[in-house]
Amino acid sequence: MTDDQLLRSIPGARHRLVLLHGWGADAEDLLPLGEALTADLPKPVELVALRAPELHPQGIGRQWYGLFPADWSAVPAACQELSQRLQSLSDRDRPLERTVVLGFSQGAAMALASGCGLPLAGLIACSGYPHPGWTPPQGRPPILLVHGTRDEVVPFSASETLQCLLNGDASSPRAELQASEEGHTIAAASLPAIQAALSRWWS
C-alpha cells in the first residue's frame, strides 16, 4: 500500500482489477464493490484502488481534475499521468493483458481516456462521459458501459454518446451498454453484467 493507492492482494492472483473513484470520493470508495464483484469468481483477483492526485476543492475527497467548473485544459496531463500509473502496475504475474480497469463517473471518463490505448483485458465505465473532443483510439480493449437512466448528475445520454463513439471503430470489439433504472450510482441490478464481463475477459 502507498499513499496514492490501496491494495488488496490475494496469494496466487494472476488477474488485477483497478478501481478509479469519482469526483469528491477517495481510493477506498470502490473497494467494497471490487470485493463483491470478485468474491465469487473462480480465479483470485488482486484489487488496486487508485487515489486521484488532487484534493477536492471543498477539502474532502479527491479529484482527477477540476470539474465544477470543468478544467478541461487539465485533462490531457491528467490522462497521461494515469496511463503511466496503470502501466507501472504491470508485472510478470499480472500484466496489463490480465488487468481490467473500472471507473465511476469522473473515474469512468478517466478510465476510458487513459485505458483505451493500453492492451488491457477490458474497461468498465460506470456513469461515465466523454471528455470534450475525445476520439477513441483504434484497437481498444473490450468495454462495458453501465449507466442509470435516472442519473441526474451525468445523464444517461452521455453513455449513449460514448457507445456511438466507441462503436464507430469496426476494428475493435463493440462496446456494450447496460442500463438500469437508477440514478448516479452503480446499481445492484448491474452487478451480474459486470461479473459476466469479468469472467468473459478473464476466461
N, C-alpha and C. Protein backbone atom coordinates (compact mmCIF):
# COMPACT_ATOMS: atom_id res chain seq x y z
N MET A 1 0.84 -1.20 0.00
CA MET A 1 0.00 0.00 0.00
C MET A 1 0.88 1.25 0.00
N THR A 2 0.53 2.23 -0.82
CA THR A 2 1.22 3.52 -0.84
C THR A 2 0.19 4.63 -0.67
N ASP A 3 0.69 5.87 -0.60
CA ASP A 3 -0.22 6.99 -0.39
C ASP A 3 -1.17 7.20 -1.56
N ASP A 4 -0.78 6.74 -2.74
CA ASP A 4 -1.62 7.00 -3.91
C ASP A 4 -2.47 5.82 -4.33
N GLN A 5 -2.47 4.73 -3.54
CA GLN A 5 -3.30 3.59 -3.88
C GLN A 5 -3.54 2.71 -2.67
N LEU A 6 -4.62 1.92 -2.75
CA LEU A 6 -4.92 0.89 -1.77
C LEU A 6 -4.85 -0.45 -2.47
N LEU A 7 -4.29 -1.43 -1.80
CA LEU A 7 -4.06 -2.73 -2.42
C LEU A 7 -4.71 -3.83 -1.59
N ARG A 8 -5.46 -4.71 -2.27
CA ARG A 8 -5.99 -5.92 -1.67
C ARG A 8 -5.39 -7.09 -2.44
N SER A 9 -4.29 -7.63 -1.90
CA SER A 9 -3.58 -8.68 -2.59
C SER A 9 -4.03 -10.05 -2.12
N ILE A 10 -4.16 -10.98 -3.05
CA ILE A 10 -4.56 -12.36 -2.74
C ILE A 10 -3.46 -13.28 -3.25
N PRO A 11 -2.97 -14.19 -2.42
CA PRO A 11 -1.92 -15.10 -2.87
C PRO A 11 -2.32 -15.86 -4.14
N GLY A 12 -1.43 -15.87 -5.09
CA GLY A 12 -1.67 -16.59 -6.33
C GLY A 12 -2.48 -15.85 -7.36
N ALA A 13 -2.87 -14.60 -7.08
CA ALA A 13 -3.69 -13.85 -8.03
C ALA A 13 -2.90 -13.56 -9.30
N ARG A 14 -3.47 -13.92 -10.44
CA ARG A 14 -2.87 -13.63 -11.74
C ARG A 14 -3.69 -12.63 -12.54
N HIS A 15 -4.71 -12.07 -11.91
CA HIS A 15 -5.56 -11.07 -12.55
C HIS A 15 -5.68 -9.87 -11.61
N ARG A 16 -5.93 -8.71 -12.20
CA ARG A 16 -6.00 -7.48 -11.41
C ARG A 16 -7.19 -6.65 -11.84
N LEU A 17 -7.91 -6.10 -10.85
CA LEU A 17 -8.99 -5.15 -11.09
C LEU A 17 -8.58 -3.82 -10.48
N VAL A 18 -8.47 -2.80 -11.33
CA VAL A 18 -8.09 -1.46 -10.89
C VAL A 18 -9.36 -0.61 -10.79
N LEU A 19 -9.51 0.09 -9.67
CA LEU A 19 -10.71 0.87 -9.38
C LEU A 19 -10.38 2.36 -9.36
N LEU A 20 -11.17 3.15 -10.10
CA LEU A 20 -10.97 4.60 -10.19
C LEU A 20 -12.22 5.30 -9.67
N HIS A 21 -12.08 5.99 -8.55
CA HIS A 21 -13.23 6.62 -7.89
C HIS A 21 -13.69 7.88 -8.61
N GLY A 22 -14.86 8.36 -8.20
CA GLY A 22 -15.44 9.54 -8.80
C GLY A 22 -15.01 10.83 -8.11
N TRP A 23 -15.51 11.94 -8.61
CA TRP A 23 -15.17 13.28 -8.12
C TRP A 23 -15.65 13.45 -6.68
N GLY A 24 -14.75 13.82 -5.79
CA GLY A 24 -15.11 14.04 -4.40
C GLY A 24 -15.03 12.81 -3.52
N ALA A 25 -14.70 11.65 -4.09
CA ALA A 25 -14.54 10.42 -3.30
C ALA A 25 -13.05 10.19 -3.06
N ASP A 26 -12.69 8.99 -2.64
CA ASP A 26 -11.30 8.66 -2.40
C ASP A 26 -11.09 7.18 -2.75
N ALA A 27 -9.85 6.73 -2.59
CA ALA A 27 -9.49 5.40 -3.08
C ALA A 27 -10.34 4.29 -2.49
N GLU A 28 -10.69 4.41 -1.20
CA GLU A 28 -11.41 3.33 -0.55
C GLU A 28 -12.87 3.23 -0.97
N ASP A 29 -13.36 4.20 -1.74
CA ASP A 29 -14.78 4.27 -2.06
C ASP A 29 -15.29 3.03 -2.80
N LEU A 30 -14.52 2.51 -3.75
CA LEU A 30 -14.98 1.41 -4.59
C LEU A 30 -14.45 0.05 -4.15
N LEU A 31 -13.65 0.00 -3.09
CA LEU A 31 -13.11 -1.29 -2.66
C LEU A 31 -14.20 -2.31 -2.31
N PRO A 32 -15.25 -1.92 -1.57
CA PRO A 32 -16.31 -2.91 -1.29
C PRO A 32 -16.95 -3.46 -2.56
N LEU A 33 -17.12 -2.60 -3.56
CA LEU A 33 -17.67 -3.06 -4.84
C LEU A 33 -16.72 -4.06 -5.48
N GLY A 34 -15.43 -3.74 -5.52
CA GLY A 34 -14.47 -4.64 -6.11
C GLY A 34 -14.43 -5.99 -5.42
N GLU A 35 -14.54 -5.98 -4.09
CA GLU A 35 -14.55 -7.23 -3.33
C GLU A 35 -15.80 -8.05 -3.65
N ALA A 36 -16.93 -7.37 -3.79
CA ALA A 36 -18.18 -8.08 -4.10
C ALA A 36 -18.14 -8.65 -5.52
N LEU A 37 -17.56 -7.93 -6.46
CA LEU A 37 -17.52 -8.38 -7.85
C LEU A 37 -16.61 -9.59 -8.03
N THR A 38 -15.54 -9.67 -7.24
CA THR A 38 -14.54 -10.71 -7.46
C THR A 38 -14.64 -11.88 -6.48
N ALA A 39 -15.48 -11.76 -5.47
CA ALA A 39 -15.53 -12.79 -4.42
C ALA A 39 -15.90 -14.15 -4.97
N ASP A 40 -16.80 -14.20 -5.94
CA ASP A 40 -17.31 -15.48 -6.44
C ASP A 40 -16.67 -15.93 -7.75
N LEU A 41 -15.68 -15.18 -8.21
CA LEU A 41 -15.02 -15.59 -9.45
C LEU A 41 -14.11 -16.79 -9.18
N PRO A 42 -13.98 -17.68 -10.16
CA PRO A 42 -13.19 -18.90 -9.93
C PRO A 42 -11.70 -18.65 -9.78
N LYS A 43 -11.22 -17.49 -10.27
CA LYS A 43 -9.80 -17.17 -10.19
C LYS A 43 -9.57 -16.02 -9.21
N PRO A 44 -8.51 -16.10 -8.37
CA PRO A 44 -8.24 -15.00 -7.44
C PRO A 44 -7.86 -13.73 -8.18
N VAL A 45 -8.29 -12.58 -7.66
CA VAL A 45 -8.07 -11.30 -8.31
C VAL A 45 -7.48 -10.31 -7.31
N GLU A 46 -6.42 -9.65 -7.71
CA GLU A 46 -5.85 -8.57 -6.91
C GLU A 46 -6.64 -7.29 -7.17
N LEU A 47 -6.95 -6.54 -6.12
CA LEU A 47 -7.65 -5.27 -6.24
C LEU A 47 -6.69 -4.12 -5.97
N VAL A 48 -6.73 -3.14 -6.84
CA VAL A 48 -5.93 -1.93 -6.65
C VAL A 48 -6.87 -0.73 -6.84
N ALA A 49 -7.02 0.08 -5.80
CA ALA A 49 -7.83 1.29 -5.88
C ALA A 49 -6.90 2.49 -5.91
N LEU A 50 -6.91 3.22 -7.01
CA LEU A 50 -6.03 4.36 -7.17
C LEU A 50 -6.67 5.62 -6.59
N ARG A 51 -5.85 6.46 -6.00
CA ARG A 51 -6.29 7.74 -5.43
C ARG A 51 -6.00 8.85 -6.44
N ALA A 52 -7.01 9.66 -6.73
CA ALA A 52 -6.81 10.79 -7.63
C ALA A 52 -5.77 11.74 -7.05
N PRO A 53 -4.99 12.40 -7.90
CA PRO A 53 -3.85 13.18 -7.40
C PRO A 53 -4.20 14.49 -6.73
N GLU A 54 -5.38 15.05 -7.00
CA GLU A 54 -5.69 16.38 -6.50
C GLU A 54 -6.71 16.34 -5.36
N LEU A 55 -6.55 17.27 -4.42
CA LEU A 55 -7.55 17.43 -3.37
C LEU A 55 -8.83 18.02 -3.96
N HIS A 56 -9.98 17.57 -3.47
CA HIS A 56 -11.26 18.17 -3.85
C HIS A 56 -11.27 19.61 -3.34
N PRO A 57 -11.83 20.55 -4.09
CA PRO A 57 -11.79 21.96 -3.68
C PRO A 57 -12.48 22.23 -2.34
N GLN A 58 -13.39 21.37 -1.93
CA GLN A 58 -14.05 21.56 -0.65
C GLN A 58 -13.28 20.91 0.50
N GLY A 59 -12.12 20.31 0.19
CA GLY A 59 -11.26 19.79 1.23
C GLY A 59 -11.52 18.37 1.66
N ILE A 60 -12.57 17.75 1.13
CA ILE A 60 -12.89 16.35 1.46
C ILE A 60 -12.92 15.56 0.16
N GLY A 61 -12.17 14.48 0.11
CA GLY A 61 -12.12 13.67 -1.09
C GLY A 61 -11.09 14.19 -2.09
N ARG A 62 -11.11 13.59 -3.27
CA ARG A 62 -10.11 13.87 -4.29
C ARG A 62 -10.77 14.12 -5.64
N GLN A 63 -9.97 14.60 -6.59
CA GLN A 63 -10.45 14.79 -7.96
C GLN A 63 -9.32 14.50 -8.93
N TRP A 64 -9.71 14.02 -10.11
CA TRP A 64 -8.72 13.76 -11.16
C TRP A 64 -8.35 15.04 -11.89
N TYR A 65 -9.28 15.99 -11.91
CA TYR A 65 -9.08 17.35 -12.42
C TYR A 65 -10.28 18.17 -11.96
N GLY A 66 -10.15 19.49 -12.01
CA GLY A 66 -11.26 20.34 -11.59
C GLY A 66 -12.48 20.11 -12.45
N LEU A 67 -13.65 20.01 -11.81
CA LEU A 67 -14.86 19.64 -12.56
C LEU A 67 -15.99 20.66 -12.45
N PHE A 68 -16.12 21.33 -11.35
CA PHE A 68 -17.20 22.33 -11.21
C PHE A 68 -16.59 23.65 -10.74
N PRO A 69 -16.16 24.53 -11.69
CA PRO A 69 -16.30 24.41 -13.14
C PRO A 69 -15.26 23.44 -13.72
N ALA A 70 -15.56 22.90 -14.88
CA ALA A 70 -14.69 21.91 -15.51
C ALA A 70 -13.42 22.57 -16.05
N ASP A 71 -12.28 22.03 -15.68
CA ASP A 71 -11.00 22.49 -16.19
C ASP A 71 -10.54 21.50 -17.25
N TRP A 72 -11.13 21.61 -18.43
CA TRP A 72 -10.82 20.65 -19.49
C TRP A 72 -9.37 20.74 -19.94
N SER A 73 -8.74 21.90 -19.74
CA SER A 73 -7.34 22.05 -20.17
C SER A 73 -6.41 21.15 -19.36
N ALA A 74 -6.86 20.71 -18.18
CA ALA A 74 -6.03 19.85 -17.33
C ALA A 74 -6.17 18.38 -17.69
N VAL A 75 -7.12 18.04 -18.56
CA VAL A 75 -7.41 16.64 -18.85
C VAL A 75 -6.25 15.91 -19.52
N PRO A 76 -5.62 16.46 -20.57
CA PRO A 76 -4.54 15.70 -21.22
C PRO A 76 -3.43 15.27 -20.27
N ALA A 77 -2.98 16.18 -19.42
CA ALA A 77 -1.90 15.84 -18.48
C ALA A 77 -2.38 14.82 -17.45
N ALA A 78 -3.64 14.97 -17.00
CA ALA A 78 -4.18 14.02 -16.03
C ALA A 78 -4.28 12.63 -16.62
N CYS A 79 -4.70 12.54 -17.87
CA CYS A 79 -4.83 11.24 -18.52
C CYS A 79 -3.47 10.60 -18.78
N GLN A 80 -2.49 11.41 -19.17
CA GLN A 80 -1.15 10.88 -19.39
C GLN A 80 -0.58 10.33 -18.08
N GLU A 81 -0.78 11.04 -16.99
CA GLU A 81 -0.28 10.58 -15.69
C GLU A 81 -0.95 9.27 -15.28
N LEU A 82 -2.27 9.18 -15.48
CA LEU A 82 -2.98 7.96 -15.12
C LEU A 82 -2.53 6.79 -15.99
N SER A 83 -2.34 7.04 -17.28
CA SER A 83 -1.87 5.98 -18.17
C SER A 83 -0.53 5.44 -17.69
N GLN A 84 0.35 6.32 -17.25
CA GLN A 84 1.65 5.89 -16.74
C GLN A 84 1.49 5.08 -15.45
N ARG A 85 0.57 5.50 -14.60
CA ARG A 85 0.33 4.76 -13.36
C ARG A 85 -0.20 3.35 -13.66
N LEU A 86 -1.10 3.25 -14.62
CA LEU A 86 -1.63 1.94 -14.99
C LEU A 86 -0.53 1.04 -15.55
N GLN A 87 0.31 1.61 -16.40
CA GLN A 87 1.39 0.82 -16.96
C GLN A 87 2.39 0.38 -15.91
N SER A 88 2.60 1.22 -14.89
CA SER A 88 3.57 0.88 -13.85
C SER A 88 3.08 -0.28 -12.97
N LEU A 89 1.77 -0.55 -12.97
CA LEU A 89 1.25 -1.66 -12.19
C LEU A 89 1.58 -3.01 -12.81
N SER A 90 1.80 -3.01 -14.11
CA SER A 90 2.00 -4.26 -14.84
C SER A 90 3.25 -4.98 -14.34
N ASP A 91 3.12 -6.27 -14.11
CA ASP A 91 4.26 -7.10 -13.74
C ASP A 91 4.12 -8.47 -14.40
N ARG A 92 5.08 -9.33 -14.15
CA ARG A 92 5.09 -10.63 -14.83
C ARG A 92 3.85 -11.46 -14.48
N ASP A 93 3.42 -11.42 -13.22
CA ASP A 93 2.27 -12.22 -12.79
C ASP A 93 0.94 -11.61 -13.20
N ARG A 94 0.88 -10.28 -13.25
CA ARG A 94 -0.38 -9.60 -13.56
C ARG A 94 -0.10 -8.49 -14.59
N PRO A 95 0.12 -8.88 -15.84
CA PRO A 95 0.37 -7.89 -16.88
C PRO A 95 -0.90 -7.13 -17.23
N LEU A 96 -0.74 -6.11 -18.05
CA LEU A 96 -1.90 -5.33 -18.48
C LEU A 96 -2.92 -6.20 -19.18
N GLU A 97 -2.46 -7.22 -19.88
CA GLU A 97 -3.36 -8.09 -20.62
C GLU A 97 -4.30 -8.88 -19.70
N ARG A 98 -4.01 -8.93 -18.40
CA ARG A 98 -4.89 -9.58 -17.43
C ARG A 98 -5.42 -8.58 -16.42
N THR A 99 -5.41 -7.31 -16.81
CA THR A 99 -5.89 -6.23 -15.94
C THR A 99 -7.16 -5.61 -16.51
N VAL A 100 -8.17 -5.42 -15.65
CA VAL A 100 -9.40 -4.70 -16.02
C VAL A 100 -9.46 -3.43 -15.18
N VAL A 101 -9.85 -2.33 -15.81
CA VAL A 101 -9.99 -1.05 -15.11
C VAL A 101 -11.46 -0.70 -15.05
N LEU A 102 -11.94 -0.41 -13.84
CA LEU A 102 -13.33 0.01 -13.62
C LEU A 102 -13.33 1.39 -13.00
N GLY A 103 -14.07 2.31 -13.60
CA GLY A 103 -14.17 3.66 -13.08
C GLY A 103 -15.62 4.09 -12.92
N PHE A 104 -15.84 5.01 -11.97
CA PHE A 104 -17.17 5.56 -11.74
C PHE A 104 -17.15 7.06 -11.97
N SER A 105 -18.10 7.55 -12.78
CA SER A 105 -18.31 8.98 -13.02
C SER A 105 -17.03 9.61 -13.59
N GLN A 106 -16.41 10.56 -12.88
CA GLN A 106 -15.17 11.14 -13.38
C GLN A 106 -14.10 10.06 -13.56
N GLY A 107 -14.09 9.08 -12.66
CA GLY A 107 -13.16 7.96 -12.80
C GLY A 107 -13.43 7.14 -14.04
N ALA A 108 -14.70 7.05 -14.47
CA ALA A 108 -15.04 6.33 -15.70
C ALA A 108 -14.52 7.08 -16.92
N ALA A 109 -14.69 8.40 -16.93
CA ALA A 109 -14.16 9.20 -18.03
C ALA A 109 -12.65 9.05 -18.12
N MET A 110 -11.99 9.03 -16.96
CA MET A 110 -10.53 8.86 -16.94
C MET A 110 -10.13 7.46 -17.38
N ALA A 111 -10.90 6.45 -16.97
CA ALA A 111 -10.59 5.08 -17.37
C ALA A 111 -10.61 4.93 -18.89
N LEU A 112 -11.61 5.50 -19.53
CA LEU A 112 -11.73 5.41 -20.98
C LEU A 112 -10.62 6.19 -21.68
N ALA A 113 -10.40 7.42 -21.24
CA ALA A 113 -9.43 8.27 -21.90
C ALA A 113 -8.00 7.77 -21.71
N SER A 114 -7.72 7.12 -20.57
CA SER A 114 -6.37 6.67 -20.28
C SER A 114 -6.14 5.21 -20.63
N GLY A 115 -7.22 4.40 -20.65
CA GLY A 115 -7.06 2.97 -20.82
C GLY A 115 -7.33 2.43 -22.21
N CYS A 116 -8.01 3.20 -23.04
CA CYS A 116 -8.36 2.68 -24.37
C CYS A 116 -7.14 2.42 -25.24
N GLY A 117 -6.04 3.10 -24.96
CA GLY A 117 -4.84 2.90 -25.74
C GLY A 117 -3.90 1.86 -25.17
N LEU A 118 -4.32 1.18 -24.09
CA LEU A 118 -3.47 0.18 -23.45
C LEU A 118 -4.01 -1.23 -23.75
N PRO A 119 -3.15 -2.25 -23.70
CA PRO A 119 -3.59 -3.62 -24.00
C PRO A 119 -4.26 -4.30 -22.81
N LEU A 120 -5.29 -3.67 -22.27
CA LEU A 120 -6.00 -4.18 -21.10
C LEU A 120 -6.91 -5.34 -21.48
N ALA A 121 -7.26 -6.15 -20.47
CA ALA A 121 -8.25 -7.21 -20.70
C ALA A 121 -9.63 -6.62 -20.92
N GLY A 122 -9.91 -5.46 -20.34
CA GLY A 122 -11.21 -4.82 -20.51
C GLY A 122 -11.32 -3.55 -19.70
N LEU A 123 -12.35 -2.75 -20.02
CA LEU A 123 -12.65 -1.49 -19.33
C LEU A 123 -14.13 -1.47 -18.98
N ILE A 124 -14.43 -0.99 -17.77
CA ILE A 124 -15.82 -0.84 -17.34
C ILE A 124 -16.02 0.60 -16.90
N ALA A 125 -16.93 1.30 -17.57
CA ALA A 125 -17.20 2.70 -17.29
C ALA A 125 -18.61 2.83 -16.73
N CYS A 126 -18.71 3.18 -15.46
CA CYS A 126 -19.99 3.32 -14.77
C CYS A 126 -20.36 4.79 -14.63
N SER A 127 -21.51 5.17 -15.18
CA SER A 127 -21.96 6.57 -15.13
C SER A 127 -20.90 7.51 -15.69
N GLY A 128 -20.32 7.11 -16.82
CA GLY A 128 -19.23 7.89 -17.40
C GLY A 128 -19.69 8.89 -18.44
N TYR A 129 -18.71 9.60 -18.98
CA TYR A 129 -18.98 10.62 -20.00
C TYR A 129 -17.71 10.79 -20.83
N PRO A 130 -17.83 11.28 -22.05
CA PRO A 130 -16.64 11.53 -22.87
C PRO A 130 -16.09 12.93 -22.59
N HIS A 131 -14.78 13.04 -22.52
CA HIS A 131 -14.17 14.36 -22.44
C HIS A 131 -14.40 15.09 -23.77
N PRO A 132 -14.53 16.41 -23.74
CA PRO A 132 -14.77 17.15 -24.99
C PRO A 132 -13.69 16.86 -26.04
N GLY A 133 -14.14 16.53 -27.24
CA GLY A 133 -13.22 16.27 -28.34
C GLY A 133 -12.53 14.92 -28.30
N TRP A 134 -12.94 14.04 -27.35
CA TRP A 134 -12.26 12.75 -27.24
C TRP A 134 -12.59 11.85 -28.42
N THR A 135 -11.54 11.25 -28.98
CA THR A 135 -11.69 10.28 -30.06
C THR A 135 -11.05 8.98 -29.62
N PRO A 136 -11.80 7.88 -29.52
CA PRO A 136 -11.21 6.61 -29.08
C PRO A 136 -10.15 6.13 -30.06
N PRO A 137 -9.04 5.61 -29.54
CA PRO A 137 -8.03 5.06 -30.44
C PRO A 137 -8.50 3.75 -31.07
N GLN A 138 -7.89 3.38 -32.17
CA GLN A 138 -8.22 2.10 -32.79
C GLN A 138 -7.56 0.96 -32.02
N GLY A 139 -8.17 -0.20 -32.10
CA GLY A 139 -7.61 -1.36 -31.43
C GLY A 139 -7.75 -1.33 -29.93
N ARG A 140 -8.83 -0.75 -29.43
CA ARG A 140 -9.05 -0.63 -27.98
C ARG A 140 -9.48 -1.96 -27.37
N PRO A 141 -9.45 -2.06 -26.02
CA PRO A 141 -9.92 -3.27 -25.34
C PRO A 141 -11.45 -3.36 -25.39
N PRO A 142 -12.02 -4.51 -25.02
CA PRO A 142 -13.48 -4.60 -24.89
C PRO A 142 -13.96 -3.70 -23.77
N ILE A 143 -15.15 -3.13 -23.92
CA ILE A 143 -15.66 -2.12 -22.97
C ILE A 143 -17.11 -2.42 -22.62
N LEU A 144 -17.41 -2.29 -21.33
CA LEU A 144 -18.78 -2.35 -20.83
C LEU A 144 -19.13 -1.00 -20.23
N LEU A 145 -20.21 -0.41 -20.72
CA LEU A 145 -20.73 0.85 -20.18
C LEU A 145 -21.93 0.52 -19.30
N VAL A 146 -21.97 1.11 -18.11
CA VAL A 146 -23.06 0.88 -17.15
C VAL A 146 -23.59 2.24 -16.73
N HIS A 147 -24.90 2.45 -16.82
CA HIS A 147 -25.44 3.78 -16.52
C HIS A 147 -26.91 3.68 -16.11
N GLY A 148 -27.29 4.52 -15.17
CA GLY A 148 -28.68 4.60 -14.75
C GLY A 148 -29.47 5.59 -15.59
N THR A 149 -30.66 5.19 -16.00
CA THR A 149 -31.47 6.07 -16.85
C THR A 149 -32.03 7.26 -16.08
N ARG A 150 -31.96 7.21 -14.73
CA ARG A 150 -32.45 8.32 -13.91
C ARG A 150 -31.32 9.13 -13.31
N ASP A 151 -30.14 9.03 -13.89
CA ASP A 151 -28.98 9.76 -13.40
C ASP A 151 -29.17 11.26 -13.63
N GLU A 152 -29.17 12.04 -12.54
CA GLU A 152 -29.36 13.49 -12.63
C GLU A 152 -28.03 14.23 -12.58
N VAL A 153 -26.92 13.51 -12.37
CA VAL A 153 -25.60 14.14 -12.32
C VAL A 153 -24.91 14.03 -13.67
N VAL A 154 -24.80 12.81 -14.17
CA VAL A 154 -24.28 12.55 -15.52
C VAL A 154 -25.41 11.88 -16.29
N PRO A 155 -26.01 12.54 -17.24
CA PRO A 155 -27.18 11.97 -17.92
C PRO A 155 -26.87 10.67 -18.64
N PHE A 156 -27.85 9.80 -18.72
CA PHE A 156 -27.72 8.53 -19.42
C PHE A 156 -27.25 8.72 -20.85
N SER A 157 -27.65 9.83 -21.46
CA SER A 157 -27.26 10.10 -22.84
C SER A 157 -25.75 10.18 -23.02
N ALA A 158 -25.02 10.47 -21.94
CA ALA A 158 -23.55 10.52 -22.04
C ALA A 158 -22.98 9.15 -22.40
N SER A 159 -23.55 8.09 -21.80
CA SER A 159 -23.08 6.75 -22.15
C SER A 159 -23.55 6.33 -23.53
N GLU A 160 -24.72 6.82 -23.95
CA GLU A 160 -25.16 6.56 -25.33
C GLU A 160 -24.19 7.19 -26.32
N THR A 161 -23.73 8.41 -26.00
CA THR A 161 -22.74 9.07 -26.85
C THR A 161 -21.44 8.29 -26.87
N LEU A 162 -21.02 7.82 -25.69
CA LEU A 162 -19.80 7.01 -25.60
C LEU A 162 -19.91 5.76 -26.47
N GLN A 163 -21.06 5.09 -26.40
CA GLN A 163 -21.24 3.87 -27.18
C GLN A 163 -21.12 4.15 -28.67
N CYS A 164 -21.70 5.26 -29.11
CA CYS A 164 -21.62 5.62 -30.53
C CYS A 164 -20.17 5.91 -30.94
N LEU A 165 -19.44 6.63 -30.08
CA LEU A 165 -18.05 6.94 -30.37
C LEU A 165 -17.22 5.66 -30.45
N LEU A 166 -17.42 4.78 -29.47
CA LEU A 166 -16.63 3.57 -29.40
C LEU A 166 -16.94 2.59 -30.52
N ASN A 167 -18.20 2.50 -30.89
CA ASN A 167 -18.59 1.53 -31.90
C ASN A 167 -18.40 2.05 -33.32
N GLY A 168 -17.85 3.24 -33.43
CA GLY A 168 -17.52 3.75 -34.76
C GLY A 168 -16.28 3.10 -35.34
N ASP A 169 -15.53 2.39 -34.49
CA ASP A 169 -14.32 1.70 -34.92
C ASP A 169 -14.63 0.23 -35.16
N ALA A 170 -14.74 -0.16 -36.41
CA ALA A 170 -15.13 -1.52 -36.74
C ALA A 170 -14.05 -2.54 -36.41
N SER A 171 -12.80 -2.07 -36.17
CA SER A 171 -11.70 -3.00 -35.90
C SER A 171 -11.64 -3.41 -34.44
N SER A 172 -12.45 -2.80 -33.57
CA SER A 172 -12.42 -3.08 -32.13
C SER A 172 -13.70 -3.78 -31.69
N PRO A 173 -13.67 -4.47 -30.55
CA PRO A 173 -14.89 -5.09 -30.03
C PRO A 173 -15.97 -4.03 -29.78
N ARG A 174 -17.21 -4.41 -30.02
CA ARG A 174 -18.31 -3.47 -29.80
C ARG A 174 -18.50 -3.21 -28.32
N ALA A 175 -18.70 -1.96 -27.97
CA ALA A 175 -18.96 -1.58 -26.58
C ALA A 175 -20.40 -1.90 -26.22
N GLU A 176 -20.60 -2.57 -25.09
CA GLU A 176 -21.94 -2.89 -24.60
C GLU A 176 -22.40 -1.80 -23.64
N LEU A 177 -23.71 -1.54 -23.61
CA LEU A 177 -24.29 -0.58 -22.69
C LEU A 177 -25.35 -1.27 -21.84
N GLN A 178 -25.12 -1.30 -20.54
CA GLN A 178 -26.02 -1.93 -19.58
C GLN A 178 -26.77 -0.82 -18.84
N ALA A 179 -28.08 -0.72 -19.04
CA ALA A 179 -28.88 0.33 -18.41
C ALA A 179 -29.58 -0.21 -17.17
N SER A 180 -29.77 0.67 -16.19
CA SER A 180 -30.56 0.34 -15.00
C SER A 180 -31.50 1.50 -14.72
N GLU A 181 -32.54 1.24 -13.98
CA GLU A 181 -33.50 2.30 -13.65
C GLU A 181 -33.10 2.97 -12.34
N GLU A 182 -31.85 3.43 -12.29
CA GLU A 182 -31.29 4.03 -11.09
C GLU A 182 -30.74 5.41 -11.40
N GLY A 183 -30.25 6.08 -10.36
CA GLY A 183 -29.64 7.39 -10.51
C GLY A 183 -28.14 7.30 -10.64
N HIS A 184 -27.43 8.23 -10.00
CA HIS A 184 -25.98 8.32 -10.12
C HIS A 184 -25.32 7.36 -9.13
N THR A 185 -25.33 6.10 -9.49
CA THR A 185 -24.79 5.06 -8.63
C THR A 185 -24.50 3.83 -9.49
N ILE A 186 -23.81 2.86 -8.92
CA ILE A 186 -23.62 1.58 -9.58
C ILE A 186 -24.66 0.65 -8.99
N ALA A 187 -25.72 0.41 -9.75
CA ALA A 187 -26.88 -0.31 -9.24
C ALA A 187 -26.58 -1.78 -9.02
N ALA A 188 -27.20 -2.35 -8.00
CA ALA A 188 -27.04 -3.78 -7.73
C ALA A 188 -27.50 -4.61 -8.93
N ALA A 189 -28.49 -4.10 -9.65
CA ALA A 189 -29.00 -4.83 -10.82
C ALA A 189 -27.96 -4.94 -11.93
N SER A 190 -26.95 -4.08 -11.90
CA SER A 190 -25.92 -4.10 -12.95
C SER A 190 -24.76 -5.02 -12.61
N LEU A 191 -24.67 -5.47 -11.37
CA LEU A 191 -23.52 -6.26 -10.96
C LEU A 191 -23.39 -7.58 -11.72
N PRO A 192 -24.49 -8.32 -11.99
CA PRO A 192 -24.33 -9.55 -12.77
C PRO A 192 -23.70 -9.32 -14.14
N ALA A 193 -24.06 -8.23 -14.81
CA ALA A 193 -23.48 -7.93 -16.12
C ALA A 193 -22.00 -7.62 -16.00
N ILE A 194 -21.62 -6.92 -14.93
CA ILE A 194 -20.20 -6.62 -14.72
C ILE A 194 -19.43 -7.90 -14.42
N GLN A 195 -19.98 -8.75 -13.56
CA GLN A 195 -19.32 -10.01 -13.24
C GLN A 195 -19.19 -10.90 -14.47
N ALA A 196 -20.22 -10.91 -15.30
CA ALA A 196 -20.18 -11.71 -16.53
C ALA A 196 -19.07 -11.22 -17.46
N ALA A 197 -18.92 -9.89 -17.53
CA ALA A 197 -17.86 -9.33 -18.38
C ALA A 197 -16.49 -9.72 -17.83
N LEU A 198 -16.31 -9.62 -16.52
CA LEU A 198 -15.03 -10.00 -15.92
C LEU A 198 -14.71 -11.47 -16.20
N SER A 199 -15.70 -12.34 -16.02
CA SER A 199 -15.49 -13.75 -16.28
C SER A 199 -15.14 -14.02 -17.73
N ARG A 200 -15.80 -13.30 -18.64
CA ARG A 200 -15.55 -13.50 -20.07
C ARG A 200 -14.15 -13.01 -20.44
N TRP A 201 -13.77 -11.85 -19.93
CA TRP A 201 -12.47 -11.28 -20.30
C TRP A 201 -11.31 -12.04 -19.68
N TRP A 202 -11.57 -12.69 -18.54
CA TRP A 202 -10.50 -13.42 -17.85
C TRP A 202 -10.59 -14.93 -18.07
N SER A 203 -11.41 -15.36 -19.02
CA SER A 203 -11.55 -16.80 -19.26
C SER A 203 -10.30 -17.39 -19.92
